[in-house]
Amino acid sequence: MAGLSKIFIFVGIFFIVIGILLSFVWKIPWLGRLPGDILIKKENTVFYFPITTSIIVSMILSLIMYYFNKR
């Protein structure tokens, strides 16, 4: 039971950190507009797939998780 409570605490802290980061991410002008991000505009539709941004965010999160798992 103690293991489950630690998981809930970790998940709660994780969501708080993600919420804080998301409130500041809109202030970074280049995030989401990197070369390699796909943007297709047609008459009535807009398709946006931030592939490069997703890869960079994934690499950063992987490094953070690697650091915490080493401890």
PDB file of N, CA and C in Angstrom:
ATOM      1  N   MET A   1       0.810  -1.199   0.000  1.00  0.00           N
ATOM      2  CA  MET A   1       0.000   0.000   0.000  1.00  0.00           C
ATOM      3  C   MET A   1       0.855   1.265   0.000  1.00  0.00           C
ATOM      4  N   ALA A   2       2.018   1.202   0.653  1.00  0.00           N
ATOM      5  CA  ALA A   2       2.880   2.376   0.698  1.00  0.00           C
ATOM      6  C   ALA A   2       3.426   2.703  -0.687  1.00  0.00           C
ATOM      7  N   GLY A   3       3.649   1.678  -1.514  1.00  0.00           N
ATOM      8  CA  GLY A   3       4.138   1.895  -2.869  1.00  0.00           C
ATOM      9  C   GLY A   3       3.120   2.638  -3.712  1.00  0.00           C
ATOM     10  N   LEU A   4       1.841   2.330  -3.519  1.00  0.00           N
ATOM     11  CA  LEU A   4       0.781   2.989  -4.271  1.00  0.00           C
ATOM     12  C   LEU A   4       0.682   4.465  -3.906  1.00  0.00           C
ATOM     13  N   SER A   5       0.860   4.787  -2.643  1.00  0.00           N
ATOM     14  CA  SER A   5       0.789   6.190  -2.242  1.00  0.00           C
ATOM     15  C   SER A   5       1.956   6.987  -2.822  1.00  0.00           C
ATOM     16  N   LYS A   6       3.131   6.361  -2.908  1.00  0.00           N
ATOM     17  CA  LYS A   6       4.275   7.048  -3.522  1.00  0.00           C
ATOM     18  C   LYS A   6       4.033   7.302  -4.998  1.00  0.00           C
ATOM     19  N   ILE A   7       3.397   6.356  -5.671  1.00  0.00           N
ATOM     20  CA  ILE A   7       3.083   6.541  -7.082  1.00  0.00           C
ATOM     21  C   ILE A   7       2.112   7.702  -7.266  1.00  0.00           C
ATOM     22  N   PHE A   8       1.079   7.782  -6.420  1.00  0.00           N
ATOM     23  CA  PHE A   8       0.121   8.883  -6.515  1.00  0.00           C
ATOM     24  C   PHE A   8       0.788  10.230  -6.240  1.00  0.00           C
ATOM     25  N   ILE A   9       1.690  10.278  -5.294  1.00  0.00           N
ATOM     26  CA  ILE A   9       2.404  11.528  -5.005  1.00  0.00           C
ATOM     27  C   ILE A   9       3.263  11.920  -6.196  1.00  0.00           C
ATOM     28  N   PHE A  10       3.978  10.964  -6.787  1.00  0.00           N
ATOM     29  CA  PHE A  10       4.818  11.244  -7.949  1.00  0.00           C
ATOM     30  C   PHE A  10       3.980  11.730  -9.128  1.00  0.00           C
ATOM     31  N   VAL A  11       2.850  11.060  -9.382  1.00  0.00           N
ATOM     32  CA  VAL A  11       1.982  11.460 -10.495  1.00  0.00           C
ATOM     33  C   VAL A  11       1.421  12.865 -10.255  1.00  0.00           C
ATOM     34  N   GLY A  12       1.049  13.171  -9.030  1.00  0.00           N
ATOM     35  CA  GLY A  12       0.545  14.507  -8.710  1.00  0.00           C
ATOM     36  C   GLY A  12       1.603  15.580  -8.931  1.00  0.00           C
ATOM     37  N   ILE A  13       2.810  15.328  -8.477  1.00  0.00           N
ATOM     38  CA  ILE A  13       3.899  16.286  -8.686  1.00  0.00           C
ATOM     39  C   ILE A  13       4.194  16.425 -10.171  1.00  0.00           C
ATOM     40  N   PHE A  14       4.168  15.318 -10.900  1.00  0.00           N
ATOM     41  CA  PHE A  14       4.394  15.339 -12.339  1.00  0.00           C
ATOM     42  C   PHE A  14       3.365  16.229 -13.039  1.00  0.00           C
ATOM     43  N   PHE A  15       2.090  16.089 -12.686  1.00  0.00           N
ATOM     44  CA  PHE A  15       1.047  16.909 -13.306  1.00  0.00           C
ATOM     45  C   PHE A  15       1.193  18.386 -12.944  1.00  0.00           C
ATOM     46  N   ILE A  16       1.610  18.678 -11.733  1.00  0.00           N
ATOM     47  CA  ILE A  16       1.840  20.069 -11.340  1.00  0.00           C
ATOM     48  C   ILE A  16       2.969  20.676 -12.165  1.00  0.00           C
ATOM     49  N   VAL A  17       4.059  19.932 -12.317  1.00  0.00           N
ATOM     50  CA  VAL A  17       5.197  20.424 -13.106  1.00  0.00           C
ATOM     51  C   VAL A  17       4.786  20.619 -14.563  1.00  0.00           C
ATOM     52  N   ILE A  18       4.063  19.669 -15.132  1.00  0.00           N
ATOM     53  CA  ILE A  18       3.606  19.793 -16.518  1.00  0.00           C
ATOM     54  C   ILE A  18       2.676  20.999 -16.661  1.00  0.00           C
ATOM     55  N   GLY A  19       1.812  21.232 -15.708  1.00  0.00           N
ATOM     56  CA  GLY A  19       0.923  22.397 -15.746  1.00  0.00           C
ATOM     57  C   GLY A  19       1.686  23.703 -15.718  1.00  0.00           C
ATOM     58  N   ILE A  20       2.708  23.767 -14.884  1.00  0.00           N
ATOM     59  CA  ILE A  20       3.536  24.975 -14.822  1.00  0.00           C
ATOM     60  C   ILE A  20       4.284  25.185 -16.131  1.00  0.00           C
ATOM     61  N   LEU A  21       4.841  24.103 -16.671  1.00  0.00           N
ATOM     62  CA  LEU A  21       5.563  24.214 -17.942  1.00  0.00           C
ATOM     63  C   LEU A  21       4.639  24.634 -19.078  1.00  0.00           C
ATOM     64  N   LEU A  22       3.435  24.099 -19.106  1.00  0.00           N
ATOM     65  CA  LEU A  22       2.506  24.460 -20.170  1.00  0.00           C
ATOM     66  C   LEU A  22       2.061  25.914 -20.083  1.00  0.00           C
ATOM     67  N   SER A  23       2.047  26.473 -18.889  1.00  0.00           N
ATOM     68  CA  SER A  23       1.670  27.884 -18.772  1.00  0.00           C
ATOM     69  C   SER A  23       2.770  28.802 -19.297  1.00  0.00           C
ATOM     70  N   PHE A  24       4.016  28.318 -19.316  1.00  0.00           N
ATOM     71  CA  PHE A  24       5.121  29.133 -19.824  1.00  0.00           C
ATOM     72  C   PHE A  24       5.514  28.789 -21.253  1.00  0.00           C
ATOM     73  N   VAL A  25       5.081  27.648 -21.764  1.00  0.00           N
ATOM     74  CA  VAL A  25       5.525  27.203 -23.085  1.00  0.00           C
ATOM     75  C   VAL A  25       5.032  28.129 -24.194  1.00  0.00           C
ATOM     76  N   TRP A  26       3.921  28.795 -24.011  1.00  0.00           N
ATOM     77  CA  TRP A  26       3.390  29.689 -25.049  1.00  0.00           C
ATOM     78  C   TRP A  26       4.230  30.951 -25.164  1.00  0.00           C
ATOM     79  N   LYS A  27       5.079  31.217 -24.183  1.00  0.00           N
ATOM     80  CA  LYS A  27       5.922  32.403 -24.222  1.00  0.00           C
ATOM     81  C   LYS A  27       7.245  32.155 -24.937  1.00  0.00           C
ATOM     82  N   ILE A  28       7.490  30.914 -25.354  1.00  0.00           N
ATOM     83  CA  ILE A  28       8.688  30.586 -26.125  1.00  0.00           C
ATOM     84  C   ILE A  28       8.295  30.676 -27.602  1.00  0.00           C
ATOM     85  N   PRO A  29       8.758  31.702 -28.317  1.00  0.00           N
ATOM     86  CA  PRO A  29       8.234  31.950 -29.669  1.00  0.00           C
ATOM     87  C   PRO A  29       8.606  30.891 -30.705  1.00  0.00           C
ATOM     88  N   TRP A  30       9.745  30.232 -30.576  1.00  0.00           N
ATOM     89  CA  TRP A  30      10.177  29.265 -31.579  1.00  0.00           C
ATOM     90  C   TRP A  30       9.612  27.879 -31.353  1.00  0.00           C
ATOM     91  N   LEU A  31       9.064  27.613 -30.159  1.00  0.00           N
ATOM     92  CA  LEU A  31       8.552  26.277 -29.859  1.00  0.00           C
ATOM     93  C   LEU A  31       7.273  26.024 -30.656  1.00  0.00           C
ATOM     94  N   GLY A  32       7.283  24.984 -31.459  1.00  0.00           N
ATOM     95  CA  GLY A  32       6.141  24.665 -32.303  1.00  0.00           C
ATOM     96  C   GLY A  32       6.270  25.204 -33.704  1.00  0.00           C
ATOM     97  N   ARG A  33       7.310  25.961 -33.966  1.00  0.00           N
ATOM     98  CA  ARG A  33       7.545  26.509 -35.303  1.00  0.00           C
ATOM     99  C   ARG A  33       8.942  26.170 -35.797  1.00  0.00           C
ATOM    100  N   LEU A  34       9.423  25.007 -35.444  1.00  0.00           N
ATOM    101  CA  LEU A  34      10.759  24.585 -35.838  1.00  0.00           C
ATOM    102  C   LEU A  34      10.744  24.029 -37.256  1.00  0.00           C
ATOM    103  N   PRO A  35      11.894  24.062 -37.929  1.00  0.00           N
ATOM    104  CA  PRO A  35      11.963  23.407 -39.237  1.00  0.00           C
ATOM    105  C   PRO A  35      11.680  21.912 -39.074  1.00  0.00           C
ATOM    106  N   GLY A  36      10.822  21.383 -39.887  1.00  0.00           N
ATOM    107  CA  GLY A  36      10.430  19.981 -39.781  1.00  0.00           C
ATOM    108  C   GLY A  36       9.031  19.816 -39.219  1.00  0.00           C
ATOM    109  N   ASP A  37       8.485  20.847 -38.582  1.00  0.00           N
ATOM    110  CA  ASP A  37       7.092  20.805 -38.143  1.00  0.00           C
ATOM    111  C   ASP A  37       6.207  20.957 -39.373  1.00  0.00           C
ATOM    112  N   ILE A  38       5.203  20.126 -39.482  1.00  0.00           N
ATOM    113  CA  ILE A  38       4.369  20.086 -40.677  1.00  0.00           C
ATOM    114  C   ILE A  38       3.142  20.978 -40.462  1.00  0.00           C
ATOM    115  N   LEU A  39       2.920  21.903 -41.387  1.00  0.00           N
ATOM    116  CA  LEU A  39       1.756  22.785 -41.357  1.00  0.00           C
ATOM    117  C   LEU A  39       1.173  22.837 -42.759  1.00  0.00           C
ATOM    118  N   ILE A  40      -0.061  22.366 -42.903  1.00  0.00           N
ATOM    119  CA  ILE A  40      -0.751  22.378 -44.185  1.00  0.00           C
ATOM    120  C   ILE A  40      -2.025  23.196 -44.017  1.00  0.00           C
ATOM    121  N   LYS A  41      -2.130  24.278 -44.786  1.00  0.00           N
ATOM    122  CA  LYS A  41      -3.325  25.114 -44.754  1.00  0.00           C
ATOM    123  C   LYS A  41      -4.052  24.972 -46.076  1.00  0.00           C
ATOM    124  N   LYS A  42      -5.312  24.605 -46.001  1.00  0.00           N
ATOM    125  CA  LYS A  42      -6.179  24.531 -47.177  1.00  0.00           C
ATOM    126  C   LYS A  42      -7.307  25.533 -46.979  1.00  0.00           C
ATOM    127  N   GLU A  43      -8.293  25.494 -47.826  1.00  0.00           N
ATOM    128  CA  GLU A  43      -9.379  26.471 -47.762  1.00  0.00           C
ATOM    129  C   GLU A  43     -10.084  26.493 -46.405  1.00  0.00           C
ATOM    130  N   ASN A  44     -10.568  25.350 -45.981  1.00  0.00           N
ATOM    131  CA  ASN A  44     -11.346  25.285 -44.740  1.00  0.00           C
ATOM    132  C   ASN A  44     -10.674  24.475 -43.645  1.00  0.00           C
ATOM    133  N   THR A  45      -9.466  24.012 -43.877  1.00  0.00           N
ATOM    134  CA  THR A  45      -8.807  23.130 -42.924  1.00  0.00           C
ATOM    135  C   THR A  45      -7.365  23.553 -42.659  1.00  0.00           C
ATOM    136  N   VAL A  46      -6.927  23.261 -41.470  1.00  0.00           N
ATOM    137  CA  VAL A  46      -5.528  23.458 -41.104  1.00  0.00           C
ATOM    138  C   VAL A  46      -5.069  22.177 -40.423  1.00  0.00           C
ATOM    139  N   PHE A  47      -3.985  21.605 -40.931  1.00  0.00           N
ATOM    140  CA  PHE A  47      -3.391  20.409 -40.336  1.00  0.00           C
ATOM    141  C   PHE A  47      -2.010  20.786 -39.825  1.00  0.00           C
ATOM    142  N   TYR A  48      -1.777  20.524 -38.550  1.00  0.00           N
ATOM    143  CA  TYR A  48      -0.502  20.877 -37.933  1.00  0.00           C
ATOM    144  C   TYR A  48       0.020  19.680 -37.170  1.00  0.00           C
ATOM    145  N   PHE A  49       1.246  19.261 -37.487  1.00  0.00           N
ATOM    146  CA  PHE A  49       1.881  18.144 -36.795  1.00  0.00           C
ATOM    147  C   PHE A  49       3.300  18.555 -36.424  1.00  0.00           C
ATOM    148  N   PRO A  50       3.546  18.880 -35.151  1.00  0.00           N
ATOM    149  CA  PRO A  50       4.867  19.367 -34.730  1.00  0.00           C
ATOM    150  C   PRO A  50       5.856  18.232 -34.492  1.00  0.00           C
ATOM    151  N   ILE A  51       6.306  17.589 -35.556  1.00  0.00           N
ATOM    152  CA  ILE A  51       7.171  16.410 -35.417  1.00  0.00           C
ATOM    153  C   ILE A  51       8.517  16.752 -34.799  1.00  0.00           C
ATOM    154  N   THR A  52       9.162  17.819 -35.252  1.00  0.00           N
ATOM    155  CA  THR A  52      10.474  18.193 -34.708  1.00  0.00           C
ATOM    156  C   THR A  52      10.355  18.613 -33.253  1.00  0.00           C
ATOM    157  N   THR A  53       9.343  19.394 -32.943  1.00  0.00           N
ATOM    158  CA  THR A  53       9.128  19.810 -31.560  1.00  0.00           C
ATOM    159  C   THR A  53       8.872  18.596 -30.677  1.00  0.00           C
ATOM    160  N   SER A  54       8.102  17.637 -31.168  1.00  0.00           N
ATOM    161  CA  SER A  54       7.819  16.419 -30.391  1.00  0.00           C
ATOM    162  C   SER A  54       9.084  15.623 -30.125  1.00  0.00           C
ATOM    163  N   ILE A  55       9.954  15.534 -31.118  1.00  0.00           N
ATOM    164  CA  ILE A  55      11.207  14.789 -30.944  1.00  0.00           C
ATOM    165  C   ILE A  55      12.096  15.472 -29.905  1.00  0.00           C
ATOM    166  N   ILE A  56      12.194  16.792 -29.966  1.00  0.00           N
ATOM    167  CA  ILE A  56      13.036  17.524 -29.014  1.00  0.00           C
ATOM    168  C   ILE A  56      12.483  17.406 -27.599  1.00  0.00           C
ATOM    169  N   VAL A  57      11.180  17.546 -27.442  1.00  0.00           N
ATOM    170  CA  VAL A  57      10.567  17.408 -26.117  1.00  0.00           C
ATOM    171  C   VAL A  57      10.765  15.989 -25.601  1.00  0.00           C
ATOM    172  N   SER A  58      10.647  14.990 -26.472  1.00  0.00           N
ATOM    173  CA  SER A  58      10.858  13.605 -26.071  1.00  0.00           C
ATOM    174  C   SER A  58      12.297  13.366 -25.611  1.00  0.00           C
ATOM    175  N   MET A  59      13.254  13.950 -26.324  1.00  0.00           N
ATOM    176  CA  MET A  59      14.653  13.795 -25.922  1.00  0.00           C
ATOM    177  C   MET A  59      14.917  14.456 -24.576  1.00  0.00           C
ATOM    178  N   ILE A  60      14.358  15.628 -24.350  1.00  0.00           N
ATOM    179  CA  ILE A  60      14.543  16.326 -23.070  1.00  0.00           C
ATOM    180  C   ILE A  60      13.928  15.518 -21.934  1.00  0.00           C
ATOM    181  N   LEU A  61      12.709  15.023 -22.144  1.00  0.00           N
ATOM    182  CA  LEU A  61      12.064  14.216 -21.107  1.00  0.00           C
ATOM    183  C   LEU A  61      12.816  12.911 -20.859  1.00  0.00           C
ATOM    184  N   SER A  62      13.367  12.314 -21.908  1.00  0.00           N
ATOM    185  CA  SER A  62      14.159  11.093 -21.740  1.00  0.00           C
ATOM    186  C   SER A  62      15.409  11.355 -20.907  1.00  0.00           C
ATOM    187  N   LEU A  63      16.073  12.482 -21.159  1.00  0.00           N
ATOM    188  CA  LEU A  63      17.253  12.829 -20.367  1.00  0.00           C
ATOM    189  C   LEU A  63      16.897  13.072 -18.899  1.00  0.00           C
ATOM    190  N   ILE A  64      15.776  13.724 -18.664  1.00  0.00           N
ATOM    191  CA  ILE A  64      15.341  13.972 -17.289  1.00  0.00           C
ATOM    192  C   ILE A  64      15.027  12.650 -16.589  1.00  0.00           C
ATOM    193  N   MET A  65      14.307  11.767 -17.269  1.00  0.00           N
ATOM    194  CA  MET A  65      13.973  10.470 -16.666  1.00  0.00           C
ATOM    195  C   MET A  65      15.230   9.615 -16.456  1.00  0.00           C
ATOM    196  N   TYR A  66      16.184   9.689 -17.369  1.00  0.00           N
ATOM    197  CA  TYR A  66      17.443   8.964 -17.215  1.00  0.00           C
ATOM    198  C   TYR A  66      18.193   9.463 -15.985  1.00  0.00           C
ATOM    199  N   TYR A  67      18.197  10.780 -15.793  1.00  0.00           N
ATOM    200  CA  TYR A  67      18.883  11.360 -14.644  1.00  0.00           C
ATOM    201  C   TYR A  67      18.239  10.878 -13.333  1.00  0.00           C
ATOM    202  N   PHE A  68      16.910  10.891 -13.268  1.00  0.00           N
ATOM    203  CA  PHE A  68      16.239  10.493 -12.041  1.00  0.00           C
ATOM    204  C   PHE A  68      16.341   8.992 -11.785  1.00  0.00           C
ATOM    205  N   ASN A  69      16.436   8.189 -12.839  1.00  0.00           N
ATOM    206  CA  ASN A  69      16.566   6.744 -12.646  1.00  0.00           C
ATOM    207  C   ASN A  69      17.980   6.341 -12.239  1.00  0.00           C
ATOM    208  N   LYS A  70      18.975   7.173 -12.525  1.00  0.00           N
ATOM    209  CA  LYS A  70      20.354   6.898 -12.131  1.00  0.00           C
ATOM    210  C   LYS A  70      20.545   7.047 -10.634  1.00  0.00           C
ATOM    211  N   ARG A  71      19.769   7.887  -9.994  1.00  0.00           N
ATOM    212  CA  ARG A  71      19.916   8.157  -8.563  1.00  0.00           C
ATOM    213  C   ARG A  71      19.444   7.010  -7.812  1.00  0.00           C
TER     214      ARG A  71
END
